[in-house]
Amino acid sequence: MNLQLENRIALVAGASQGLGYATALQLSRERALVAICSRDEAHVTAAADAITSETGCPVLPLHADVTVKEDIDQLVERVVEEYGGLDILVTNAGGPPAGSFEELSETQWREAIDLTLLSAVRLIRASLPHLRLSTAPAVLTITSIAVKQPIANLVLSNSIRMAVIGLTKTLALELGSEGIRFNSVLPGWTETERVHDLLANRALRSDTTLEEEFAKQAAQSPFKRLATPEEFANVAAFLCSPAASYLTGVMLPVDGGTYAGVF
């Protein structure tokens, strides 16, 4: 299938590693013009170089903190200046810290809201004027399977990502008449740095080993393994593409069937 992504302009936030990086790489493989951002300038530059080396397509690395409104505004304007517009926005940020409800302070809740919810709000708000000029505008929010099935010891993520889903679905309804699509991908347990850290934390709390926690988590999937970042990115790229032109308001799990609910 031709995803019709060649020369589409895409901004992928939080893309120096993990799911953001995998998504940016897949979009670049499809010949999109990709910009990526991260708080770590050295890491985002290295990520852009790695993608360009593999795909031969230019990738624009940008230093930005998605919890800072001014950074987001400058980020979007820089993409438009470099590439001449914006067709695709992928909102993403590193996940909030693990912890149970009583362990987490109000400050940590506020920081998590800035990181997980308000980053998406601000990125979308800054991008909308440019998306309105696109012939195939699309926004993809990367959330988590936790919005369907809460994950132990991740109360911040379980709670705040639900708000991102509400935002995504609402904007799909509000802006569908303008042709702007809003969808979300709900990754399950995937082989990323974030999952490594979460399972290391779980091992520490449970007095087990990291290898044991990986094995226990893999056993929860019908496939008896975790997803690869590329498997996630294939789905993300499709939802961003004109090939998915009649899909909006979709919350699509990529969890290998681990979620046991029907809806």
C-alpha atoms as a PDB file:
ATOM      1  CA  MET A   1       0.000   0.000   0.000  1.00  0.00           C
ATOM      2  CA  ASN A   2       1.199   3.488  -0.844  1.00  0.00           C
ATOM      3  CA  LEU A   3       0.733   5.581   2.309  1.00  0.00           C
ATOM      4  CA  GLN A   4       1.094   8.779   0.254  1.00  0.00           C
ATOM      5  CA  LEU A   5       3.505  10.240   2.765  1.00  0.00           C
ATOM      6  CA  GLU A   6       6.218  11.362   0.359  1.00  0.00           C
ATOM      7  CA  ASN A   7       7.093  15.025   0.986  1.00  0.00           C
ATOM      8  CA  ARG A   8       4.471  15.336   3.733  1.00  0.00           C
ATOM      9  CA  ILE A   9       5.839  17.485   6.549  1.00  0.00           C
ATOM     10  CA  ALA A  10       5.754  15.838   9.965  1.00  0.00           C
ATOM     11  CA  LEU A  11       6.726  17.023  13.433  1.00  0.00           C
ATOM     12  CA  VAL A  12       7.297  14.256  15.967  1.00  0.00           C
ATOM     13  CA  ALA A  13       7.774  15.372  19.563  1.00  0.00           C
ATOM     14  CA  GLY A  14       9.864  13.487  22.082  1.00  0.00           C
ATOM     15  CA  ALA A  15      11.642  11.610  19.311  1.00  0.00           C
ATOM     16  CA  SER A  16      15.261  11.195  20.359  1.00  0.00           C
ATOM     17  CA  GLN A  17      14.483   7.631  21.473  1.00  0.00           C
ATOM     18  CA  GLY A  18      11.679   5.147  22.083  1.00  0.00           C
ATOM     19  CA  LEU A  19       8.314   5.270  20.340  1.00  0.00           C
ATOM     20  CA  GLY A  20       8.816   8.824  19.100  1.00  0.00           C
ATOM     21  CA  TYR A  21      12.077   7.874  17.426  1.00  0.00           C
ATOM     22  CA  ALA A  22      10.546   4.758  15.885  1.00  0.00           C
ATOM     23  CA  THR A  23       7.646   6.798  14.505  1.00  0.00           C
ATOM     24  CA  ALA A  24       9.944   9.434  13.036  1.00  0.00           C
ATOM     25  CA  LEU A  25      12.087   6.734  11.455  1.00  0.00           C
ATOM     26  CA  GLN A  26       9.096   5.042   9.841  1.00  0.00           C
ATOM     27  CA  LEU A  27       7.734   8.333   8.508  1.00  0.00           C
ATOM     28  CA  SER A  28      11.152   9.053   7.025  1.00  0.00           C
ATOM     29  CA  ARG A  29      11.226   5.599   5.450  1.00  0.00           C
ATOM     30  CA  GLU A  30       7.988   6.608   3.742  1.00  0.00           C
ATOM     31  CA  ARG A  31       9.807   9.685   2.377  1.00  0.00           C
ATOM     32  CA  ALA A  32       8.143  12.251   4.616  1.00  0.00           C
ATOM     33  CA  LEU A  33      10.032  15.402   5.612  1.00  0.00           C
ATOM     34  CA  VAL A  34      10.461  14.895   9.331  1.00  0.00           C
ATOM     35  CA  ALA A  35      11.336  17.222  12.211  1.00  0.00           C
ATOM     36  CA  ILE A  36      12.017  15.817  15.667  1.00  0.00           C
ATOM     37  CA  CYS A  37      12.515  17.438  19.046  1.00  0.00           C
ATOM     38  CA  SER A  38      13.906  16.586  22.452  1.00  0.00           C
ATOM     39  CA  ARG A  39      15.095  18.348  25.591  1.00  0.00           C
ATOM     40  CA  ASP A  40      18.547  16.835  24.996  1.00  0.00           C
ATOM     41  CA  GLU A  41      20.195  18.621  22.081  1.00  0.00           C
ATOM     42  CA  ALA A  42      22.982  16.068  21.640  1.00  0.00           C
ATOM     43  CA  HIS A  43      20.556  13.136  21.653  1.00  0.00           C
ATOM     44  CA  VAL A  44      18.120  14.675  19.184  1.00  0.00           C
ATOM     45  CA  THR A  45      20.938  15.578  16.799  1.00  0.00           C
ATOM     46  CA  ALA A  46      22.293  12.029  16.974  1.00  0.00           C
ATOM     47  CA  ALA A  47      18.795  10.628  16.394  1.00  0.00           C
ATOM     48  CA  ALA A  48      18.274  12.823  13.322  1.00  0.00           C
ATOM     49  CA  ASP A  49      21.658  11.801  11.922  1.00  0.00           C
ATOM     50  CA  ALA A  50      20.846   8.124  12.454  1.00  0.00           C
ATOM     51  CA  ILE A  51      17.498   8.401  10.657  1.00  0.00           C
ATOM     52  CA  THR A  52      18.984  10.331   7.742  1.00  0.00           C
ATOM     53  CA  SER A  53      21.804   7.809   7.471  1.00  0.00           C
ATOM     54  CA  GLU A  54      19.289   4.974   7.128  1.00  0.00           C
ATOM     55  CA  THR A  55      16.664   6.614   4.913  1.00  0.00           C
ATOM     56  CA  GLY A  56      18.579   9.233   2.963  1.00  0.00           C
ATOM     57  CA  CYS A  57      15.887  11.812   3.791  1.00  0.00           C
ATOM     58  CA  PRO A  58      16.554  15.058   5.664  1.00  0.00           C
ATOM     59  CA  VAL A  59      15.521  15.148   9.308  1.00  0.00           C
ATOM     60  CA  LEU A  60      15.434  18.420  11.224  1.00  0.00           C
ATOM     61  CA  PRO A  61      16.602  18.091  14.859  1.00  0.00           C
ATOM     62  CA  LEU A  62      15.244  20.716  17.239  1.00  0.00           C
ATOM     63  CA  HIS A  63      15.984  21.378  20.885  1.00  0.00           C
ATOM     64  CA  ALA A  64      12.758  21.997  22.834  1.00  0.00           C
ATOM     65  CA  ASP A  65      11.161  21.263  26.173  1.00  0.00           C
ATOM     66  CA  VAL A  66       7.511  20.387  25.528  1.00  0.00           C
ATOM     67  CA  THR A  67       6.549  21.519  29.024  1.00  0.00           C
ATOM     68  CA  VAL A  68       7.483  25.107  28.065  1.00  0.00           C
ATOM     69  CA  LYS A  69       4.973  26.989  25.896  1.00  0.00           C
ATOM     70  CA  GLU A  70       7.583  29.311  24.412  1.00  0.00           C
ATOM     71  CA  ASP A  71       9.677  26.339  23.315  1.00  0.00           C
ATOM     72  CA  ILE A  72       6.659  24.777  21.613  1.00  0.00           C
ATOM     73  CA  ASP A  73       5.763  27.976  19.760  1.00  0.00           C
ATOM     74  CA  GLN A  74       9.331  28.366  18.517  1.00  0.00           C
ATOM     75  CA  LEU A  75       9.505  24.677  17.625  1.00  0.00           C
ATOM     76  CA  VAL A  76       6.472  24.788  15.337  1.00  0.00           C
ATOM     77  CA  GLU A  77       7.567  28.031  13.702  1.00  0.00           C
ATOM     78  CA  ARG A  78      11.014  26.576  13.032  1.00  0.00           C
ATOM     79  CA  VAL A  79       9.507  23.552  11.271  1.00  0.00           C
ATOM     80  CA  VAL A  80       7.333  25.796   9.100  1.00  0.00           C
ATOM     81  CA  GLU A  81      10.286  28.041   8.261  1.00  0.00           C
ATOM     82  CA  GLU A  82      12.457  25.074   7.277  1.00  0.00           C
ATOM     83  CA  TYR A  83       9.938  22.981   5.349  1.00  0.00           C
ATOM     84  CA  GLY A  84       7.269  25.480   4.325  1.00  0.00           C
ATOM     85  CA  GLY A  85       4.310  24.096   6.234  1.00  0.00           C
ATOM     86  CA  LEU A  86       3.038  21.293   8.441  1.00  0.00           C
ATOM     87  CA  ASP A  87       0.887  18.278   7.553  1.00  0.00           C
ATOM     88  CA  ILE A  88       1.361  15.889  10.467  1.00  0.00           C
ATOM     89  CA  LEU A  89       1.785  16.420  14.188  1.00  0.00           C
ATOM     90  CA  VAL A  90       2.675  13.564  16.537  1.00  0.00           C
ATOM     91  CA  THR A  91       2.389  14.550  20.199  1.00  0.00           C
ATOM     92  CA  ASN A  92       4.607  12.590  22.539  1.00  0.00           C
ATOM     93  CA  ALA A  93       6.640  13.054  25.703  1.00  0.00           C
ATOM     94  CA  GLY A  94       8.507  10.911  28.155  1.00  0.00           C
ATOM     95  CA  GLY A  95       6.136   9.254  30.585  1.00  0.00           C
ATOM     96  CA  PRO A  96       5.592  10.581  34.115  1.00  0.00           C
ATOM     97  CA  PRO A  97       7.313   8.767  36.988  1.00  0.00           C
ATOM     98  CA  ALA A  98       6.102   5.515  38.455  1.00  0.00           C
ATOM     99  CA  GLY A  99       4.589   5.456  41.920  1.00  0.00           C
ATOM    100  CA  SER A 100       1.473   4.699  43.904  1.00  0.00           C
ATOM    101  CA  PHE A 101      -1.092   7.379  44.752  1.00  0.00           C
ATOM    102  CA  GLU A 102       0.174   8.054  48.275  1.00  0.00           C
ATOM    103  CA  GLU A 103       3.819   8.223  47.204  1.00  0.00           C
ATOM    104  CA  LEU A 104       3.333  11.062  44.744  1.00  0.00           C
ATOM    105  CA  SER A 105       3.267  14.728  45.721  1.00  0.00           C
ATOM    106  CA  GLU A 106       1.006  17.439  44.343  1.00  0.00           C
ATOM    107  CA  THR A 107       4.057  18.921  42.649  1.00  0.00           C
ATOM    108  CA  GLN A 108       4.602  15.656  40.796  1.00  0.00           C
ATOM    109  CA  TRP A 109       0.962  15.675  39.699  1.00  0.00           C
ATOM    110  CA  ARG A 110       1.306  19.200  38.331  1.00  0.00           C
ATOM    111  CA  GLU A 111       4.545  18.317  36.537  1.00  0.00           C
ATOM    112  CA  ALA A 112       2.907  15.236  35.031  1.00  0.00           C
ATOM    113  CA  ILE A 113      -0.050  17.287  33.787  1.00  0.00           C
ATOM    114  CA  ASP A 114       2.369  19.724  32.122  1.00  0.00           C
ATOM    115  CA  LEU A 115       4.341  16.881  30.570  1.00  0.00           C
ATOM    116  CA  THR A 116       1.544  14.588  29.436  1.00  0.00           C
ATOM    117  CA  LEU A 117      -1.552  16.720  28.871  1.00  0.00           C
ATOM    118  CA  LEU A 118      -0.577  20.361  28.436  1.00  0.00           C
ATOM    119  CA  SER A 119       2.273  19.484  26.075  1.00  0.00           C
ATOM    120  CA  ALA A 120      -0.314  17.982  23.725  1.00  0.00           C
ATOM    121  CA  VAL A 121      -2.664  20.949  24.162  1.00  0.00           C
ATOM    122  CA  ARG A 122       0.095  23.441  23.399  1.00  0.00           C
ATOM    123  CA  LEU A 123       1.527  21.514  20.456  1.00  0.00           C
ATOM    124  CA  ILE A 124      -1.902  21.210  18.853  1.00  0.00           C
ATOM    125  CA  ARG A 125      -2.759  24.855  19.513  1.00  0.00           C
ATOM    126  CA  ALA A 126       0.512  26.057  17.952  1.00  0.00           C
ATOM    127  CA  SER A 127       0.146  23.715  14.956  1.00  0.00           C
ATOM    128  CA  LEU A 128      -3.508  24.328  14.066  1.00  0.00           C
ATOM    129  CA  PRO A 129      -2.992  27.458  11.904  1.00  0.00           C
ATOM    130  CA  HIS A 130      -0.528  25.517   9.753  1.00  0.00           C
ATOM    131  CA  LEU A 131      -2.509  22.265   9.697  1.00  0.00           C
ATOM    132  CA  ARG A 132      -5.479  24.238   8.365  1.00  0.00           C
ATOM    133  CA  LEU A 133      -3.396  25.043   5.273  1.00  0.00           C
ATOM    134  CA  SER A 134      -2.524  21.381   4.622  1.00  0.00           C
ATOM    135  CA  THR A 135      -4.318  19.201   2.079  1.00  0.00           C
ATOM    136  CA  ALA A 136      -4.059  16.174   4.384  1.00  0.00           C
ATOM    137  CA  PRO A 137      -3.732  17.333   7.990  1.00  0.00           C
ATOM    138  CA  ALA A 138      -3.424  14.755  10.759  1.00  0.00           C
ATOM    139  CA  VAL A 139      -2.679  14.756  14.474  1.00  0.00           C
ATOM    140  CA  LEU A 140      -1.655  11.623  16.321  1.00  0.00           C
ATOM    141  CA  THR A 141      -1.408  11.494  20.109  1.00  0.00           C
ATOM    142  CA  ILE A 142       0.725   8.728  21.583  1.00  0.00           C
ATOM    143  CA  THR A 143      -0.932   7.604  24.796  1.00  0.00           C
ATOM    144  CA  SER A 144      -0.996   4.135  26.414  1.00  0.00           C
ATOM    145  CA  ILE A 145      -3.027   0.981  26.778  1.00  0.00           C
ATOM    146  CA  ALA A 146      -3.349   2.217  30.383  1.00  0.00           C
ATOM    147  CA  VAL A 147      -6.336   4.307  29.261  1.00  0.00           C
ATOM    148  CA  LYS A 148      -8.227   1.028  28.829  1.00  0.00           C
ATOM    149  CA  GLN A 149      -6.632  -1.034  31.579  1.00  0.00           C
ATOM    150  CA  PRO A 150      -4.739   0.787  34.360  1.00  0.00           C
ATOM    151  CA  ILE A 151      -1.203  -0.404  35.000  1.00  0.00           C
ATOM    152  CA  ALA A 152      -0.053  -1.044  38.549  1.00  0.00           C
ATOM    153  CA  ASN A 153       2.150   1.654  40.086  1.00  0.00           C
ATOM    154  CA  LEU A 154       1.521   4.109  37.234  1.00  0.00           C
ATOM    155  CA  VAL A 155      -1.272   6.253  38.655  1.00  0.00           C
ATOM    156  CA  LEU A 156      -0.012   9.430  36.985  1.00  0.00           C
ATOM    157  CA  SER A 157       0.041   7.877  33.535  1.00  0.00           C
ATOM    158  CA  ASN A 158      -3.217   5.982  34.096  1.00  0.00           C
ATOM    159  CA  SER A 159      -5.007   9.182  35.073  1.00  0.00           C
ATOM    160  CA  ILE A 160      -3.592  11.914  32.874  1.00  0.00           C
ATOM    161  CA  ARG A 161      -3.440   9.982  29.617  1.00  0.00           C
ATOM    162  CA  MET A 162      -7.220   9.606  29.918  1.00  0.00           C
ATOM    163  CA  ALA A 163      -7.420  13.391  29.541  1.00  0.00           C
ATOM    164  CA  VAL A 164      -5.330  13.214  26.359  1.00  0.00           C
ATOM    165  CA  ILE A 165      -7.785  10.663  24.969  1.00  0.00           C
ATOM    166  CA  GLY A 166     -10.668  12.995  25.832  1.00  0.00           C
ATOM    167  CA  LEU A 167      -8.870  15.833  24.075  1.00  0.00           C
ATOM    168  CA  THR A 168      -8.174  13.719  20.995  1.00  0.00           C
ATOM    169  CA  LYS A 169     -11.758  12.501  20.629  1.00  0.00           C
ATOM    170  CA  THR A 170     -13.205  15.959  21.224  1.00  0.00           C
ATOM    171  CA  LEU A 171     -10.985  17.589  18.616  1.00  0.00           C
ATOM    172  CA  ALA A 172     -11.841  14.864  16.105  1.00  0.00           C
ATOM    173  CA  LEU A 173     -15.469  15.953  16.473  1.00  0.00           C
ATOM    174  CA  GLU A 174     -14.817  19.697  16.632  1.00  0.00           C
ATOM    175  CA  LEU A 175     -12.421  19.908  13.689  1.00  0.00           C
ATOM    176  CA  GLY A 176     -13.582  17.092  11.450  1.00  0.00           C
ATOM    177  CA  SER A 177     -15.550  19.566   9.337  1.00  0.00           C
ATOM    178  CA  GLU A 178     -12.215  21.221   8.503  1.00  0.00           C
ATOM    179  CA  GLY A 179     -10.719  17.917   7.398  1.00  0.00           C
ATOM    180  CA  ILE A 180      -8.246  17.668  10.294  1.00  0.00           C
ATOM    181  CA  ARG A 181      -8.010  14.120  11.627  1.00  0.00           C
ATOM    182  CA  PHE A 182      -7.219  13.301  15.269  1.00  0.00           C
ATOM    183  CA  ASN A 183      -6.335   9.771  16.344  1.00  0.00           C
ATOM    184  CA  SER A 184      -4.418   8.095  19.138  1.00  0.00           C
ATOM    185  CA  VAL A 185      -2.244   5.014  19.370  1.00  0.00           C
ATOM    186  CA  LEU A 186      -2.353   3.103  22.655  1.00  0.00           C
ATOM    187  CA  PRO A 187       0.915   1.179  22.940  1.00  0.00           C
ATOM    188  CA  GLY A 188       1.164  -1.810  25.210  1.00  0.00           C
ATOM    189  CA  TRP A 189       4.432  -3.145  26.577  1.00  0.00           C
ATOM    190  CA  THR A 190       7.073  -2.384  23.952  1.00  0.00           C
ATOM    191  CA  GLU A 191      10.840  -2.828  23.943  1.00  0.00           C
ATOM    192  CA  THR A 192      11.816   0.760  24.729  1.00  0.00           C
ATOM    193  CA  GLU A 193      14.034   2.543  27.222  1.00  0.00           C
ATOM    194  CA  ARG A 194      10.926   3.647  29.148  1.00  0.00           C
ATOM    195  CA  VAL A 195       9.710   0.060  29.556  1.00  0.00           C
ATOM    196  CA  HIS A 196      13.189  -1.038  30.611  1.00  0.00           C
ATOM    197  CA  ASP A 197      13.134   1.598  33.361  1.00  0.00           C
ATOM    198  CA  LEU A 198       9.604   0.680  34.477  1.00  0.00           C
ATOM    199  CA  LEU A 199      10.433  -3.006  34.720  1.00  0.00           C
ATOM    200  CA  ALA A 200      13.684  -2.231  36.524  1.00  0.00           C
ATOM    201  CA  ASN A 201      11.634  -0.265  39.060  1.00  0.00           C
ATOM    202  CA  ARG A 202       9.214  -3.176  39.376  1.00  0.00           C
ATOM    203  CA  ALA A 203      12.102  -5.593  39.934  1.00  0.00           C
ATOM    204  CA  LEU A 204      13.496  -3.374  42.672  1.00  0.00           C
ATOM    205  CA  ARG A 205      10.131  -3.206  44.439  1.00  0.00           C
ATOM    206  CA  SER A 206       9.486  -6.937  44.077  1.00  0.00           C
ATOM    207  CA  ASP A 207      13.029  -8.105  44.884  1.00  0.00           C
ATOM    208  CA  THR A 208      13.245  -9.900  41.544  1.00  0.00           C
ATOM    209  CA  THR A 209      15.496  -9.487  38.515  1.00  0.00           C
ATOM    210  CA  LEU A 210      14.926  -7.397  35.418  1.00  0.00           C
ATOM    211  CA  GLU A 211      14.968 -10.564  33.319  1.00  0.00           C
ATOM    212  CA  GLU A 212      12.227 -12.102  35.470  1.00  0.00           C
ATOM    213  CA  GLU A 213      10.045  -9.014  35.117  1.00  0.00           C
ATOM    214  CA  PHE A 214      10.479  -8.970  31.335  1.00  0.00           C
ATOM    215  CA  ALA A 215       9.508 -12.639  31.204  1.00  0.00           C
ATOM    216  CA  LYS A 216       6.447 -12.108  33.405  1.00  0.00           C
ATOM    217  CA  GLN A 217       5.285  -9.164  31.317  1.00  0.00           C
ATOM    218  CA  ALA A 218       5.812 -11.020  28.043  1.00  0.00           C
ATOM    219  CA  ALA A 219       3.729 -13.907  29.380  1.00  0.00           C
ATOM    220  CA  GLN A 220       0.707 -11.572  29.620  1.00  0.00           C
ATOM    221  CA  SER A 221       0.544 -11.231  25.829  1.00  0.00           C
ATOM    222  CA  PRO A 222      -1.062 -13.873  23.615  1.00  0.00           C
ATOM    223  CA  PHE A 223       2.138 -13.609  21.536  1.00  0.00           C
ATOM    224  CA  LYS A 224       4.267 -14.223  24.665  1.00  0.00           C
ATOM    225  CA  ARG A 225       6.550 -11.316  23.856  1.00  0.00           C
ATOM    226  CA  LEU A 226       6.730  -7.544  23.959  1.00  0.00           C
ATOM    227  CA  ALA A 227       6.161  -5.427  20.867  1.00  0.00           C
ATOM    228  CA  THR A 228       9.034  -3.994  18.899  1.00  0.00           C
ATOM    229  CA  PRO A 229       9.155  -0.230  18.340  1.00  0.00           C
ATOM    230  CA  GLU A 230       8.877  -0.849  14.593  1.00  0.00           C
ATOM    231  CA  GLU A 231       5.580  -2.711  15.046  1.00  0.00           C
ATOM    232  CA  PHE A 232       4.205   0.300  16.871  1.00  0.00           C
ATOM    233  CA  ALA A 233       5.593   2.752  14.321  1.00  0.00           C
ATOM    234  CA  ASN A 234       4.000   0.939  11.375  1.00  0.00           C
ATOM    235  CA  VAL A 235       0.574   1.591  12.895  1.00  0.00           C
ATOM    236  CA  ALA A 236       1.424   5.182  13.802  1.00  0.00           C
ATOM    237  CA  ALA A 237       2.613   5.975  10.276  1.00  0.00           C
ATOM    238  CA  PHE A 238      -0.573   4.540   8.770  1.00  0.00           C
ATOM    239  CA  LEU A 239      -2.834   6.625  11.018  1.00  0.00           C
ATOM    240  CA  CYS A 240      -0.855   9.752  10.108  1.00  0.00           C
ATOM    241  CA  SER A 241      -1.087   9.040   6.402  1.00  0.00           C
ATOM    242  CA  PRO A 242      -3.609  10.064   3.728  1.00  0.00           C
ATOM    243  CA  ALA A 243      -4.234   6.334   3.280  1.00  0.00           C
ATOM    244  CA  ALA A 244      -6.206   6.555   6.555  1.00  0.00           C
ATOM    245  CA  SER A 245      -8.249   9.511   5.301  1.00  0.00           C
ATOM    246  CA  TYR A 246     -11.588   8.320   6.751  1.00  0.00           C
ATOM    247  CA  LEU A 247     -10.221   7.441  10.176  1.00  0.00           C
ATOM    248  CA  THR A 248     -10.621  10.007  12.930  1.00  0.00           C
ATOM    249  CA  GLY A 249     -11.405   9.763  16.620  1.00  0.00           C
ATOM    250  CA  VAL A 250      -9.817   6.294  16.681  1.00  0.00           C
ATOM    251  CA  MET A 251      -8.083   5.044  19.830  1.00  0.00           C
ATOM    252  CA  LEU A 252      -6.116   2.078  18.537  1.00  0.00           C
ATOM    253  CA  PRO A 253      -4.360  -0.343  20.910  1.00  0.00           C
ATOM    254  CA  VAL A 254      -1.061  -1.821  19.731  1.00  0.00           C
ATOM    255  CA  ASP A 255      -0.655  -4.288  22.561  1.00  0.00           C
ATOM    256  CA  GLY A 256      -0.554  -7.739  21.004  1.00  0.00           C
ATOM    257  CA  GLY A 257      -4.017  -8.524  22.327  1.00  0.00           C
ATOM    258  CA  THR A 258      -3.029  -8.143  25.970  1.00  0.00           C
ATOM    259  CA  TYR A 259      -6.045  -5.994  26.782  1.00  0.00           C
ATOM    260  CA  ALA A 260      -8.806  -8.507  27.407  1.00  0.00           C
ATOM    261  CA  GLY A 261     -11.848  -6.233  27.034  1.00  0.00           C
ATOM    262  CA  VAL A 262     -14.153  -6.355  24.036  1.00  0.00           C
ATOM    263  CA  PHE A 263     -14.363  -2.560  23.561  1.00  0.00           C
END
